[in-house]
Amino acid sequence: MSALAKLTASLPQGIAERLGQGLEALGQTTTSEQRERLLGLLALLHKWNRAYNLTAVRDVNDMVARHLLDSAAVAPFVHGPRVLDVGAGPGLPGLVLAILNPALNVTLLDSNGKKVRFQRQAIMELGLENVTPVQTRVEQFDAATFDQVISRAFASIKDFVTLTCQLPAAHGEWLAMKGPGADDELQGLPADIEIKARHSLKVPFEAATRQLLILSSRF
């Protein structure tokens, strides 16, 4: 049995089927290796969460929907190839996106040491070669530009765009993962930023509505 298989063996019965059903509902075609890596990520997150409080979601069944499938729901809109996940926490959505699309080059950015340590452990145990974890505040992050900058739970849309204004490449995009009440956050958006697209997302096993706002510079 491989190390990854041993890791996923700790998950409750039925979790693999739940994940598979959710991915199918999203229209995501995955290999057995990708599904095993997603389950490995879930097992690691559940294990570490007991000691390090990485996420408020405790139940592993809820983690499938609220973390894995919520992250996977935006995969069709993430083309990169250079992607920055700002305020990545334990690596969401970046780790899921990197597993689903090995052609992406994903950078995970977070200032919380324990969460970045989890990212590094997950990258090592899952054998991911297309992910780079970085521990620093976004205001202090000095790097080459990215094709897409994504955020799941980092800040308001205005703050997200303002704090990362130097990070998208020319014609790059910001991807803001939000709930249904995001319109209020669009107030005061810088005049040179426009909403390029808005996509409603239905996350399997979740009643709450999610949406993805794609923004870009007007110039």
N, C-alpha and C. Protein backbone atom coordinates (compact mmCIF):
# COMPACT_ATOMS: atom_id res chain seq x y z
N MET A 1 0.84 -1.20 0.00
CA MET A 1 0.00 0.00 0.00
C MET A 1 0.87 1.25 0.00
N SER A 2 0.59 2.20 -0.88
CA SER A 2 1.37 3.42 -0.96
C SER A 2 1.10 4.31 0.26
N ALA A 3 2.00 5.28 0.46
CA ALA A 3 1.84 6.21 1.59
C ALA A 3 0.54 6.99 1.45
N LEU A 4 0.21 7.35 0.22
CA LEU A 4 -1.02 8.11 -0.01
C LEU A 4 -2.25 7.25 0.28
N ALA A 5 -2.19 5.99 -0.11
CA ALA A 5 -3.31 5.07 0.15
C ALA A 5 -3.50 4.86 1.65
N LYS A 6 -2.39 4.77 2.39
CA LYS A 6 -2.47 4.63 3.85
C LYS A 6 -3.12 5.86 4.46
N LEU A 7 -2.80 7.01 3.91
CA LEU A 7 -3.35 8.27 4.40
C LEU A 7 -4.87 8.30 4.20
N THR A 8 -5.30 7.95 3.00
CA THR A 8 -6.73 8.02 2.70
C THR A 8 -7.52 6.92 3.40
N ALA A 9 -6.84 5.86 3.82
CA ALA A 9 -7.52 4.77 4.51
C ALA A 9 -8.11 5.21 5.85
N SER A 10 -7.62 6.33 6.36
CA SER A 10 -8.11 6.83 7.65
C SER A 10 -9.46 7.53 7.53
N LEU A 11 -9.91 7.79 6.31
CA LEU A 11 -11.16 8.51 6.11
C LEU A 11 -12.36 7.60 6.35
N PRO A 12 -13.47 8.14 6.81
CA PRO A 12 -14.67 7.33 7.03
C PRO A 12 -15.19 6.71 5.74
N GLN A 13 -15.91 5.64 5.87
CA GLN A 13 -16.47 4.95 4.71
C GLN A 13 -17.48 5.87 4.01
N GLY A 14 -17.46 5.84 2.70
CA GLY A 14 -18.41 6.63 1.93
C GLY A 14 -17.90 7.99 1.48
N ILE A 15 -16.76 8.41 2.01
CA ILE A 15 -16.22 9.73 1.65
C ILE A 15 -15.77 9.76 0.19
N ALA A 16 -15.12 8.71 -0.26
CA ALA A 16 -14.65 8.66 -1.65
C ALA A 16 -15.84 8.75 -2.61
N GLU A 17 -16.92 8.05 -2.27
CA GLU A 17 -18.12 8.09 -3.12
C GLU A 17 -18.73 9.49 -3.12
N ARG A 18 -18.76 10.13 -1.98
CA ARG A 18 -19.31 11.48 -1.86
C ARG A 18 -18.50 12.46 -2.72
N LEU A 19 -17.19 12.36 -2.63
CA LEU A 19 -16.34 13.22 -3.45
C LEU A 19 -16.56 12.95 -4.93
N GLY A 20 -16.61 11.67 -5.30
CA GLY A 20 -16.81 11.31 -6.70
C GLY A 20 -18.13 11.84 -7.25
N GLN A 21 -19.19 11.72 -6.45
CA GLN A 21 -20.50 12.23 -6.87
C GLN A 21 -20.46 13.75 -7.05
N GLY A 22 -19.78 14.42 -6.13
CA GLY A 22 -19.69 15.87 -6.20
C GLY A 22 -18.92 16.33 -7.43
N LEU A 23 -17.80 15.69 -7.70
CA LEU A 23 -17.01 16.04 -8.87
C LEU A 23 -17.79 15.80 -10.15
N GLU A 24 -18.54 14.70 -10.18
CA GLU A 24 -19.35 14.39 -11.36
C GLU A 24 -20.43 15.45 -11.56
N ALA A 25 -21.04 15.89 -10.46
CA ALA A 25 -22.08 16.92 -10.54
C ALA A 25 -21.52 18.24 -11.06
N LEU A 26 -20.25 18.49 -10.77
CA LEU A 26 -19.59 19.70 -11.26
C LEU A 26 -19.10 19.56 -12.70
N GLY A 27 -19.20 18.35 -13.24
CA GLY A 27 -18.71 18.11 -14.59
C GLY A 27 -17.20 17.97 -14.66
N GLN A 28 -16.58 17.64 -13.52
CA GLN A 28 -15.14 17.49 -13.46
C GLN A 28 -14.74 16.05 -13.77
N THR A 29 -13.99 15.87 -14.84
CA THR A 29 -13.44 14.56 -15.17
C THR A 29 -12.08 14.42 -14.50
N THR A 30 -11.92 13.40 -13.68
CA THR A 30 -10.68 13.23 -12.92
C THR A 30 -10.13 11.83 -13.08
N THR A 31 -8.82 11.71 -12.91
CA THR A 31 -8.17 10.41 -12.91
C THR A 31 -8.22 9.83 -11.50
N SER A 32 -7.93 8.54 -11.39
CA SER A 32 -7.89 7.91 -10.07
C SER A 32 -6.81 8.55 -9.20
N GLU A 33 -5.70 8.95 -9.82
CA GLU A 33 -4.62 9.61 -9.07
C GLU A 33 -5.07 10.96 -8.53
N GLN A 34 -5.79 11.72 -9.33
CA GLN A 34 -6.28 13.01 -8.85
C GLN A 34 -7.26 12.84 -7.70
N ARG A 35 -8.16 11.89 -7.82
CA ARG A 35 -9.12 11.66 -6.73
C ARG A 35 -8.41 11.20 -5.47
N GLU A 36 -7.38 10.37 -5.63
CA GLU A 36 -6.63 9.91 -4.46
C GLU A 36 -5.90 11.08 -3.80
N ARG A 37 -5.36 11.98 -4.60
CA ARG A 37 -4.70 13.15 -4.03
C ARG A 37 -5.69 14.07 -3.31
N LEU A 38 -6.88 14.24 -3.89
CA LEU A 38 -7.90 15.07 -3.23
C LEU A 38 -8.30 14.44 -1.89
N LEU A 39 -8.45 13.12 -1.88
CA LEU A 39 -8.78 12.43 -0.63
C LEU A 39 -7.62 12.52 0.37
N GLY A 40 -6.39 12.46 -0.15
CA GLY A 40 -5.23 12.62 0.72
C GLY A 40 -5.19 14.01 1.35
N LEU A 41 -5.51 15.02 0.56
CA LEU A 41 -5.58 16.39 1.08
C LEU A 41 -6.64 16.48 2.16
N LEU A 42 -7.78 15.87 1.92
CA LEU A 42 -8.86 15.87 2.91
C LEU A 42 -8.43 15.19 4.21
N ALA A 43 -7.77 14.04 4.08
CA ALA A 43 -7.32 13.31 5.27
C ALA A 43 -6.31 14.12 6.06
N LEU A 44 -5.39 14.77 5.37
CA LEU A 44 -4.40 15.60 6.05
C LEU A 44 -5.06 16.78 6.75
N LEU A 45 -5.98 17.42 6.07
CA LEU A 45 -6.66 18.58 6.64
C LEU A 45 -7.44 18.18 7.89
N HIS A 46 -8.12 17.06 7.81
CA HIS A 46 -8.89 16.58 8.96
C HIS A 46 -7.97 16.23 10.12
N LYS A 47 -6.85 15.61 9.83
CA LYS A 47 -5.89 15.21 10.87
C LYS A 47 -5.26 16.44 11.54
N TRP A 48 -4.76 17.35 10.73
CA TRP A 48 -4.10 18.54 11.27
C TRP A 48 -5.08 19.46 11.99
N ASN A 49 -6.31 19.49 11.55
CA ASN A 49 -7.28 20.41 12.12
C ASN A 49 -7.56 20.12 13.58
N ARG A 50 -7.40 18.87 13.98
CA ARG A 50 -7.64 18.51 15.38
C ARG A 50 -6.64 19.20 16.30
N ALA A 51 -5.44 19.40 15.82
CA ALA A 51 -4.40 19.98 16.66
C ALA A 51 -4.15 21.46 16.40
N TYR A 52 -4.33 21.90 15.16
CA TYR A 52 -3.90 23.24 14.79
C TYR A 52 -5.03 24.19 14.38
N ASN A 53 -6.28 23.71 14.42
CA ASN A 53 -7.42 24.58 14.16
C ASN A 53 -7.26 25.36 12.85
N LEU A 54 -7.05 24.64 11.77
CA LEU A 54 -6.83 25.26 10.47
C LEU A 54 -8.12 25.80 9.86
N THR A 55 -9.24 25.18 10.21
CA THR A 55 -10.52 25.57 9.65
C THR A 55 -11.62 25.34 10.68
N ALA A 56 -12.67 26.15 10.60
CA ALA A 56 -13.79 26.00 11.53
C ALA A 56 -14.66 24.80 11.17
N VAL A 57 -14.50 24.27 9.98
CA VAL A 57 -15.27 23.10 9.54
C VAL A 57 -14.63 21.85 10.16
N ARG A 58 -15.37 21.15 10.99
CA ARG A 58 -14.82 20.01 11.72
C ARG A 58 -15.19 18.67 11.12
N ASP A 59 -16.41 18.56 10.64
CA ASP A 59 -16.90 17.28 10.13
C ASP A 59 -16.30 17.00 8.75
N VAL A 60 -15.76 15.81 8.59
CA VAL A 60 -15.07 15.48 7.34
C VAL A 60 -16.02 15.45 6.15
N ASN A 61 -17.28 15.09 6.38
CA ASN A 61 -18.27 15.13 5.31
C ASN A 61 -18.51 16.56 4.83
N ASP A 62 -18.57 17.48 5.78
CA ASP A 62 -18.75 18.89 5.43
C ASP A 62 -17.52 19.43 4.71
N MET A 63 -16.34 18.92 5.07
CA MET A 63 -15.11 19.36 4.41
C MET A 63 -15.12 19.03 2.92
N VAL A 64 -15.74 17.91 2.56
CA VAL A 64 -15.81 17.54 1.15
C VAL A 64 -16.49 18.64 0.36
N ALA A 65 -17.64 19.11 0.84
CA ALA A 65 -18.39 20.14 0.12
C ALA A 65 -17.78 21.51 0.28
N ARG A 66 -17.53 21.90 1.52
CA ARG A 66 -17.16 23.30 1.80
C ARG A 66 -15.72 23.63 1.44
N HIS A 67 -14.88 22.62 1.33
CA HIS A 67 -13.49 22.88 0.98
C HIS A 67 -13.13 22.31 -0.40
N LEU A 68 -13.27 21.00 -0.58
CA LEU A 68 -12.84 20.39 -1.85
C LEU A 68 -13.74 20.79 -3.01
N LEU A 69 -15.04 20.59 -2.87
CA LEU A 69 -15.94 20.86 -3.99
C LEU A 69 -16.14 22.35 -4.21
N ASP A 70 -16.13 23.13 -3.15
CA ASP A 70 -16.21 24.58 -3.30
C ASP A 70 -15.03 25.10 -4.11
N SER A 71 -13.85 24.55 -3.84
CA SER A 71 -12.65 24.93 -4.59
C SER A 71 -12.72 24.43 -6.02
N ALA A 72 -13.20 23.20 -6.19
CA ALA A 72 -13.27 22.59 -7.54
C ALA A 72 -14.28 23.30 -8.43
N ALA A 73 -15.27 23.95 -7.83
CA ALA A 73 -16.33 24.60 -8.61
C ALA A 73 -15.80 25.72 -9.50
N VAL A 74 -14.66 26.32 -9.12
CA VAL A 74 -14.12 27.43 -9.92
C VAL A 74 -13.08 26.96 -10.93
N ALA A 75 -12.74 25.68 -10.91
CA ALA A 75 -11.69 25.16 -11.78
C ALA A 75 -11.89 25.48 -13.26
N PRO A 76 -13.12 25.44 -13.80
CA PRO A 76 -13.28 25.74 -15.22
C PRO A 76 -12.87 27.15 -15.62
N PHE A 77 -12.78 28.05 -14.64
CA PHE A 77 -12.47 29.45 -14.94
C PHE A 77 -11.02 29.81 -14.62
N VAL A 78 -10.26 28.83 -14.16
CA VAL A 78 -8.85 29.06 -13.78
C VAL A 78 -7.97 28.43 -14.85
N HIS A 79 -7.34 29.28 -15.65
CA HIS A 79 -6.51 28.78 -16.76
C HIS A 79 -5.05 29.13 -16.60
N GLY A 80 -4.76 30.09 -15.70
CA GLY A 80 -3.36 30.45 -15.44
C GLY A 80 -2.61 30.88 -16.68
N PRO A 81 -1.41 30.33 -16.93
CA PRO A 81 -0.84 29.22 -16.16
C PRO A 81 -0.26 29.61 -14.80
N ARG A 82 0.08 30.92 -14.63
CA ARG A 82 0.61 31.34 -13.33
C ARG A 82 -0.55 31.86 -12.48
N VAL A 83 -0.79 31.18 -11.35
CA VAL A 83 -1.92 31.51 -10.49
C VAL A 83 -1.41 31.81 -9.08
N LEU A 84 -1.92 32.90 -8.49
CA LEU A 84 -1.60 33.24 -7.11
C LEU A 84 -2.87 33.12 -6.27
N ASP A 85 -2.80 32.31 -5.21
CA ASP A 85 -3.90 32.16 -4.26
C ASP A 85 -3.55 33.02 -3.04
N VAL A 86 -4.27 34.14 -2.89
CA VAL A 86 -3.98 35.10 -1.82
C VAL A 86 -4.81 34.77 -0.59
N GLY A 87 -4.16 34.77 0.58
CA GLY A 87 -4.86 34.38 1.80
C GLY A 87 -5.30 32.94 1.72
N ALA A 88 -4.38 32.09 1.27
CA ALA A 88 -4.71 30.70 0.93
C ALA A 88 -5.07 29.85 2.14
N GLY A 89 -4.76 30.30 3.35
CA GLY A 89 -5.06 29.49 4.52
C GLY A 89 -4.35 28.15 4.42
N PRO A 90 -5.07 27.04 4.59
CA PRO A 90 -4.44 25.72 4.45
C PRO A 90 -4.23 25.30 3.00
N GLY A 91 -4.40 26.24 2.06
CA GLY A 91 -4.12 25.93 0.66
C GLY A 91 -5.35 25.78 -0.21
N LEU A 92 -6.40 26.51 0.15
CA LEU A 92 -7.66 26.42 -0.59
C LEU A 92 -8.04 27.77 -1.18
N PRO A 93 -8.32 27.81 -2.46
CA PRO A 93 -8.55 26.69 -3.38
C PRO A 93 -7.30 26.18 -4.10
N GLY A 94 -6.13 26.80 -3.86
CA GLY A 94 -4.96 26.54 -4.68
C GLY A 94 -4.54 25.10 -4.81
N LEU A 95 -4.52 24.36 -3.70
CA LEU A 95 -4.10 22.96 -3.77
C LEU A 95 -5.07 22.13 -4.61
N VAL A 96 -6.35 22.37 -4.45
CA VAL A 96 -7.35 21.63 -5.24
C VAL A 96 -7.19 21.95 -6.72
N LEU A 97 -7.00 23.22 -7.05
CA LEU A 97 -6.84 23.63 -8.44
C LEU A 97 -5.58 23.01 -9.05
N ALA A 98 -4.51 22.94 -8.26
CA ALA A 98 -3.25 22.36 -8.74
C ALA A 98 -3.38 20.87 -8.99
N ILE A 99 -4.17 20.19 -8.17
CA ILE A 99 -4.41 18.76 -8.36
C ILE A 99 -5.25 18.52 -9.62
N LEU A 100 -6.29 19.33 -9.79
CA LEU A 100 -7.19 19.14 -10.93
C LEU A 100 -6.56 19.54 -12.26
N ASN A 101 -5.61 20.46 -12.22
CA ASN A 101 -4.96 20.91 -13.46
C ASN A 101 -3.45 21.00 -13.25
N PRO A 102 -2.72 19.92 -13.53
CA PRO A 102 -1.27 19.91 -13.33
C PRO A 102 -0.52 20.92 -14.19
N ALA A 103 -1.17 21.50 -15.21
CA ALA A 103 -0.52 22.49 -16.06
C ALA A 103 -0.41 23.85 -15.37
N LEU A 104 -1.16 24.04 -14.28
CA LEU A 104 -1.09 25.30 -13.54
C LEU A 104 0.19 25.37 -12.73
N ASN A 105 0.69 26.58 -12.56
CA ASN A 105 1.80 26.86 -11.66
C ASN A 105 1.24 27.73 -10.54
N VAL A 106 0.97 27.13 -9.38
CA VAL A 106 0.22 27.78 -8.31
C VAL A 106 1.14 28.22 -7.18
N THR A 107 0.99 29.48 -6.77
CA THR A 107 1.67 30.01 -5.60
C THR A 107 0.63 30.25 -4.51
N LEU A 108 0.89 29.72 -3.31
CA LEU A 108 0.01 29.89 -2.16
C LEU A 108 0.62 30.95 -1.25
N LEU A 109 -0.14 31.99 -0.95
CA LEU A 109 0.37 33.09 -0.13
C LEU A 109 -0.46 33.23 1.13
N ASP A 110 0.21 33.15 2.28
CA ASP A 110 -0.47 33.36 3.56
C ASP A 110 0.57 33.78 4.60
N SER A 111 0.13 34.56 5.58
CA SER A 111 1.06 35.04 6.62
C SER A 111 1.05 34.17 7.86
N ASN A 112 0.10 33.22 7.94
CA ASN A 112 -0.03 32.37 9.12
C ASN A 112 0.92 31.18 9.04
N GLY A 113 1.84 31.11 9.99
CA GLY A 113 2.89 30.09 9.94
C GLY A 113 2.38 28.67 9.98
N LYS A 114 1.40 28.39 10.85
CA LYS A 114 0.92 27.00 10.97
C LYS A 114 0.19 26.57 9.69
N LYS A 115 -0.48 27.51 9.04
CA LYS A 115 -1.19 27.16 7.81
C LYS A 115 -0.22 26.93 6.66
N VAL A 116 0.84 27.70 6.61
CA VAL A 116 1.85 27.49 5.57
C VAL A 116 2.62 26.20 5.82
N ARG A 117 2.84 25.86 7.08
CA ARG A 117 3.48 24.57 7.39
C ARG A 117 2.61 23.42 6.91
N PHE A 118 1.30 23.56 7.07
CA PHE A 118 0.40 22.53 6.54
C PHE A 118 0.50 22.46 5.03
N GLN A 119 0.52 23.61 4.37
CA GLN A 119 0.66 23.63 2.91
C GLN A 119 1.90 22.84 2.47
N ARG A 120 3.02 23.11 3.13
CA ARG A 120 4.27 22.43 2.77
C ARG A 120 4.17 20.93 2.98
N GLN A 121 3.54 20.53 4.08
CA GLN A 121 3.39 19.10 4.36
C GLN A 121 2.50 18.45 3.31
N ALA A 122 1.42 19.12 2.97
CA ALA A 122 0.50 18.57 1.97
C ALA A 122 1.17 18.45 0.61
N ILE A 123 1.93 19.46 0.22
CA ILE A 123 2.64 19.43 -1.06
C ILE A 123 3.60 18.24 -1.11
N MET A 124 4.30 18.01 0.00
CA MET A 124 5.26 16.90 0.06
C MET A 124 4.55 15.55 0.02
N GLU A 125 3.53 15.38 0.85
CA GLU A 125 2.87 14.07 0.95
C GLU A 125 2.03 13.74 -0.29
N LEU A 126 1.54 14.77 -0.95
CA LEU A 126 0.72 14.54 -2.14
C LEU A 126 1.56 14.50 -3.42
N GLY A 127 2.85 14.82 -3.29
CA GLY A 127 3.74 14.77 -4.45
C GLY A 127 3.42 15.80 -5.51
N LEU A 128 3.09 17.01 -5.07
CA LEU A 128 2.73 18.08 -6.01
C LEU A 128 3.97 18.88 -6.39
N GLU A 129 4.23 18.97 -7.68
CA GLU A 129 5.41 19.68 -8.15
C GLU A 129 5.07 21.04 -8.77
N ASN A 130 3.80 21.39 -8.76
CA ASN A 130 3.37 22.64 -9.40
C ASN A 130 2.82 23.66 -8.40
N VAL A 131 3.24 23.53 -7.12
CA VAL A 131 2.76 24.42 -6.08
C VAL A 131 3.93 24.97 -5.27
N THR A 132 3.90 26.28 -5.00
CA THR A 132 4.93 26.94 -4.20
C THR A 132 4.27 27.68 -3.04
N PRO A 133 4.56 27.30 -1.78
CA PRO A 133 4.01 28.02 -0.64
C PRO A 133 4.91 29.19 -0.24
N VAL A 134 4.31 30.31 0.12
CA VAL A 134 5.06 31.49 0.54
C VAL A 134 4.41 32.05 1.81
N GLN A 135 5.22 32.25 2.85
CA GLN A 135 4.70 32.85 4.08
C GLN A 135 5.13 34.31 4.17
N THR A 136 4.20 35.19 3.96
CA THR A 136 4.42 36.63 4.12
C THR A 136 3.09 37.34 4.00
N ARG A 137 3.06 38.59 4.40
CA ARG A 137 1.87 39.42 4.20
C ARG A 137 1.83 39.87 2.75
N VAL A 138 0.64 40.02 2.22
CA VAL A 138 0.52 40.38 0.81
C VAL A 138 1.16 41.73 0.52
N GLU A 139 1.13 42.63 1.50
CA GLU A 139 1.72 43.95 1.30
C GLU A 139 3.24 43.88 1.12
N GLN A 140 3.84 42.81 1.62
CA GLN A 140 5.29 42.65 1.55
C GLN A 140 5.73 41.66 0.48
N PHE A 141 4.77 41.14 -0.27
CA PHE A 141 5.06 40.11 -1.26
C PHE A 141 5.62 40.75 -2.52
N ASP A 142 6.83 40.36 -2.86
CA ASP A 142 7.51 40.91 -4.04
C ASP A 142 7.79 39.76 -5.00
N ALA A 143 7.05 39.73 -6.10
CA ALA A 143 7.20 38.61 -7.03
C ALA A 143 6.85 39.06 -8.44
N ALA A 144 7.19 38.20 -9.39
CA ALA A 144 6.77 38.45 -10.77
C ALA A 144 5.24 38.39 -10.83
N THR A 145 4.68 38.92 -11.88
CA THR A 145 3.23 38.99 -11.97
C THR A 145 2.60 37.65 -12.32
N PHE A 146 1.29 37.59 -12.13
CA PHE A 146 0.54 36.35 -12.33
C PHE A 146 -0.57 36.57 -13.35
N ASP A 147 -0.93 35.50 -14.05
CA ASP A 147 -2.02 35.57 -15.01
C ASP A 147 -3.37 35.72 -14.31
N GLN A 148 -3.51 35.06 -13.17
CA GLN A 148 -4.73 35.15 -12.39
C GLN A 148 -4.40 35.18 -10.90
N VAL A 149 -5.10 36.04 -10.18
CA VAL A 149 -4.95 36.15 -8.73
C VAL A 149 -6.30 35.82 -8.12
N ILE A 150 -6.35 34.77 -7.31
CA ILE A 150 -7.63 34.28 -6.78
C ILE A 150 -7.66 34.41 -5.26
N SER A 151 -8.85 34.61 -4.74
CA SER A 151 -9.04 34.69 -3.30
C SER A 151 -10.36 34.04 -2.93
N ARG A 152 -10.31 33.25 -1.87
CA ARG A 152 -11.52 32.56 -1.41
C ARG A 152 -12.09 33.18 -0.15
N ALA A 153 -11.25 33.59 0.76
CA ALA A 153 -11.74 34.14 2.03
C ALA A 153 -10.74 35.14 2.59
N PHE A 154 -10.18 35.96 1.73
CA PHE A 154 -9.08 36.84 2.13
C PHE A 154 -9.57 38.18 2.64
N ALA A 155 -10.42 38.86 1.90
CA ALA A 155 -10.83 40.21 2.26
C ALA A 155 -12.02 40.61 1.41
N SER A 156 -12.50 41.82 1.62
CA SER A 156 -13.54 42.35 0.74
C SER A 156 -12.97 42.47 -0.67
N ILE A 157 -13.85 42.55 -1.66
CA ILE A 157 -13.39 42.65 -3.04
C ILE A 157 -12.53 43.90 -3.24
N LYS A 158 -12.96 45.01 -2.66
CA LYS A 158 -12.21 46.25 -2.79
C LYS A 158 -10.80 46.10 -2.22
N ASP A 159 -10.70 45.54 -1.00
CA ASP A 159 -9.39 45.36 -0.38
C ASP A 159 -8.55 44.33 -1.14
N PHE A 160 -9.19 43.28 -1.61
CA PHE A 160 -8.50 42.25 -2.38
C PHE A 160 -7.81 42.86 -3.59
N VAL A 161 -8.55 43.66 -4.36
CA VAL A 161 -8.00 44.28 -5.56
C VAL A 161 -6.95 45.33 -5.22
N THR A 162 -7.23 46.13 -4.20
CA THR A 162 -6.32 47.21 -3.84
C THR A 162 -4.98 46.68 -3.33
N LEU A 163 -5.03 45.66 -2.48
CA LEU A 163 -3.81 45.12 -1.88
C LEU A 163 -2.97 44.32 -2.86
N THR A 164 -3.57 43.88 -3.95
CA THR A 164 -2.85 43.04 -4.92
C THR A 164 -2.73 43.72 -6.28
N CYS A 165 -2.90 45.04 -6.32
CA CYS A 165 -3.00 45.75 -7.61
C CYS A 165 -1.77 45.57 -8.49
N GLN A 166 -0.61 45.29 -7.89
CA GLN A 166 0.61 45.16 -8.66
C GLN A 166 0.90 43.73 -9.11
N LEU A 167 0.03 42.78 -8.73
CA LEU A 167 0.35 41.37 -8.94
C LEU A 167 -0.20 40.76 -10.23
N PRO A 168 -1.36 41.16 -10.74
CA PRO A 168 -1.79 40.60 -12.03
C PRO A 168 -0.92 41.12 -13.18
N ALA A 169 -0.65 40.25 -14.13
CA ALA A 169 0.10 40.65 -15.33
C ALA A 169 -0.79 41.55 -16.20
N ALA A 170 -0.20 42.13 -17.23
CA ALA A 170 -1.01 42.89 -18.19
C ALA A 170 -2.10 41.97 -18.73
N HIS A 171 -3.33 42.46 -18.72
CA HIS A 171 -4.50 41.67 -19.12
C HIS A 171 -4.75 40.50 -18.16
N GLY A 172 -4.18 40.57 -16.95
CA GLY A 172 -4.44 39.54 -15.94
C GLY A 172 -5.79 39.74 -15.29
N GLU A 173 -6.17 38.80 -14.44
CA GLU A 173 -7.50 38.82 -13.83
C GLU A 173 -7.42 38.60 -12.33
N TRP A 174 -8.40 39.18 -11.63
CA TRP A 174 -8.68 38.83 -10.24
C TRP A 174 -9.90 37.93 -10.21
N LEU A 175 -9.85 36.86 -9.43
CA LEU A 175 -10.97 35.96 -9.26
C LEU A 175 -11.38 35.97 -7.80
N ALA A 176 -12.56 36.49 -7.51
CA ALA A 176 -13.04 36.60 -6.13
C ALA A 176 -14.17 35.60 -5.91
N MET A 177 -13.94 34.64 -5.02
CA MET A 177 -14.95 33.64 -4.67
C MET A 177 -15.78 34.20 -3.52
N LYS A 178 -17.08 34.35 -3.76
CA LYS A 178 -17.92 35.04 -2.80
C LYS A 178 -19.26 34.35 -2.61
N GLY A 179 -19.99 34.79 -1.57
CA GLY A 179 -21.36 34.36 -1.36
C GLY A 179 -22.31 35.25 -2.14
N PRO A 180 -23.61 35.10 -1.90
CA PRO A 180 -24.60 35.85 -2.69
C PRO A 180 -24.61 37.35 -2.41
N GLY A 181 -24.07 37.78 -1.28
CA GLY A 181 -24.15 39.19 -0.91
C GLY A 181 -22.96 40.03 -1.31
N ALA A 182 -22.34 39.69 -2.41
CA ALA A 182 -21.10 40.37 -2.79
C ALA A 182 -21.32 41.76 -3.38
N ASP A 183 -22.53 42.09 -3.78
CA ASP A 183 -22.77 43.37 -4.43
C ASP A 183 -22.36 44.55 -3.54
N ASP A 184 -22.62 44.44 -2.24
CA ASP A 184 -22.25 45.52 -1.33
C ASP A 184 -20.75 45.77 -1.35
N GLU A 185 -19.97 44.69 -1.57
CA GLU A 185 -18.51 44.83 -1.58
C GLU A 185 -17.99 45.55 -2.82
N LEU A 186 -18.83 45.66 -3.83
CA LEU A 186 -18.40 46.31 -5.07
C LEU A 186 -18.46 47.84 -4.98
N GLN A 187 -19.09 48.32 -3.91
CA GLN A 187 -19.14 49.77 -3.72
C GLN A 187 -17.73 50.29 -3.45
N GLY A 188 -17.37 51.35 -4.12
CA GLY A 188 -16.05 51.92 -3.90
C GLY A 188 -14.93 51.21 -4.61
N LEU A 189 -15.27 50.31 -5.53
CA LEU A 189 -14.24 49.63 -6.31
C LEU A 189 -13.48 50.67 -7.13
N PRO A 190 -12.17 50.59 -7.21
CA PRO A 190 -11.41 51.59 -7.99
C PRO A 190 -11.97 51.75 -9.39
N ALA A 191 -11.95 53.00 -9.89
CA ALA A 191 -12.57 53.32 -11.17
C ALA A 191 -11.91 52.59 -12.34
N ASP A 192 -10.66 52.19 -12.17
CA ASP A 192 -9.97 51.52 -13.29
C ASP A 192 -10.15 50.00 -13.28
N ILE A 193 -11.03 49.50 -12.40
CA ILE A 193 -11.30 48.06 -12.33
C ILE A 193 -12.74 47.79 -12.78
N GLU A 194 -12.91 46.79 -13.62
CA GLU A 194 -14.24 46.44 -14.10
C GLU A 194 -14.54 44.98 -13.84
N ILE A 195 -15.84 44.68 -13.74
CA ILE A 195 -16.27 43.28 -13.61
C ILE A 195 -16.31 42.68 -15.00
N LYS A 196 -15.47 41.71 -15.23
CA LYS A 196 -15.38 41.07 -16.54
C LYS A 196 -16.44 39.99 -16.72
N ALA A 197 -16.73 39.28 -15.63
CA ALA A 197 -17.72 38.21 -15.68
C ALA A 197 -18.17 37.87 -14.27
N ARG A 198 -19.38 37.33 -14.19
CA ARG A 198 -19.91 36.87 -12.91
C ARG A 198 -20.57 35.51 -13.15
N HIS A 199 -20.16 34.52 -12.34
CA HIS A 199 -20.66 33.16 -12.53
C HIS A 199 -21.30 32.66 -11.24
N SER A 200 -22.53 32.21 -11.33
CA SER A 200 -23.18 31.56 -10.19
C SER A 200 -22.67 30.13 -10.10
N LEU A 201 -22.39 29.69 -8.89
CA LEU A 201 -21.83 28.36 -8.68
C LEU A 201 -22.75 27.55 -7.78
N LYS A 202 -23.04 26.33 -8.17
CA LYS A 202 -23.81 25.43 -7.32
C LYS A 202 -22.87 24.35 -6.82
N VAL A 203 -22.53 24.45 -5.55
CA VAL A 203 -21.62 23.49 -4.95
C VAL A 203 -22.42 22.29 -4.46
N PRO A 204 -22.11 21.09 -4.92
CA PRO A 204 -22.86 19.89 -4.49
C PRO A 204 -22.87 19.74 -2.98
N PHE A 205 -24.02 19.32 -2.44
CA PHE A 205 -24.24 19.07 -1.01
C PHE A 205 -24.27 20.36 -0.19
N GLU A 206 -24.28 21.51 -0.84
CA GLU A 206 -24.34 22.80 -0.13
C GLU A 206 -25.59 23.55 -0.56
N ALA A 207 -26.34 24.05 0.41
CA ALA A 207 -27.56 24.80 0.09
C ALA A 207 -27.24 26.25 -0.29
N ALA A 208 -26.20 26.80 0.32
CA ALA A 208 -25.86 28.20 0.08
C ALA A 208 -25.37 28.42 -1.35
N THR A 209 -25.75 29.55 -1.90
CA THR A 209 -25.32 29.91 -3.25
C THR A 209 -23.94 30.55 -3.21
N ARG A 210 -23.12 30.20 -4.16
CA ARG A 210 -21.78 30.78 -4.28
C ARG A 210 -21.65 31.45 -5.63
N GLN A 211 -20.72 32.37 -5.75
CA GLN A 211 -20.49 33.00 -7.04
C GLN A 211 -19.01 33.34 -7.19
N LEU A 212 -18.61 33.47 -8.43
CA LEU A 212 -17.25 33.85 -8.77
C LEU A 212 -17.31 35.14 -9.57
N LEU A 213 -16.62 36.16 -9.09
CA LEU A 213 -16.51 37.42 -9.82
C LEU A 213 -15.13 37.52 -10.42
N ILE A 214 -15.08 37.76 -11.72
CA ILE A 214 -13.81 37.93 -12.41
C ILE A 214 -13.66 39.40 -12.77
N LEU A 215 -12.58 40.00 -12.31
CA LEU A 215 -12.34 41.42 -12.51
C LEU A 215 -11.04 41.64 -13.27
N SER A 216 -10.96 42.77 -13.95
CA SER A 216 -9.74 43.10 -14.67
C SER A 216 -9.59 44.61 -14.72
N SER A 217 -8.41 45.05 -15.11
CA SER A 217 -8.16 46.48 -15.27
C SER A 217 -8.77 46.97 -16.57
N ARG A 218 -9.29 48.18 -16.57
CA ARG A 218 -9.87 48.75 -17.78
C ARG A 218 -8.78 49.15 -18.78
N PHE A 219 -7.55 49.28 -18.28
CA PHE A 219 -6.50 49.83 -19.13
C PHE A 219 -5.40 48.80 -19.40
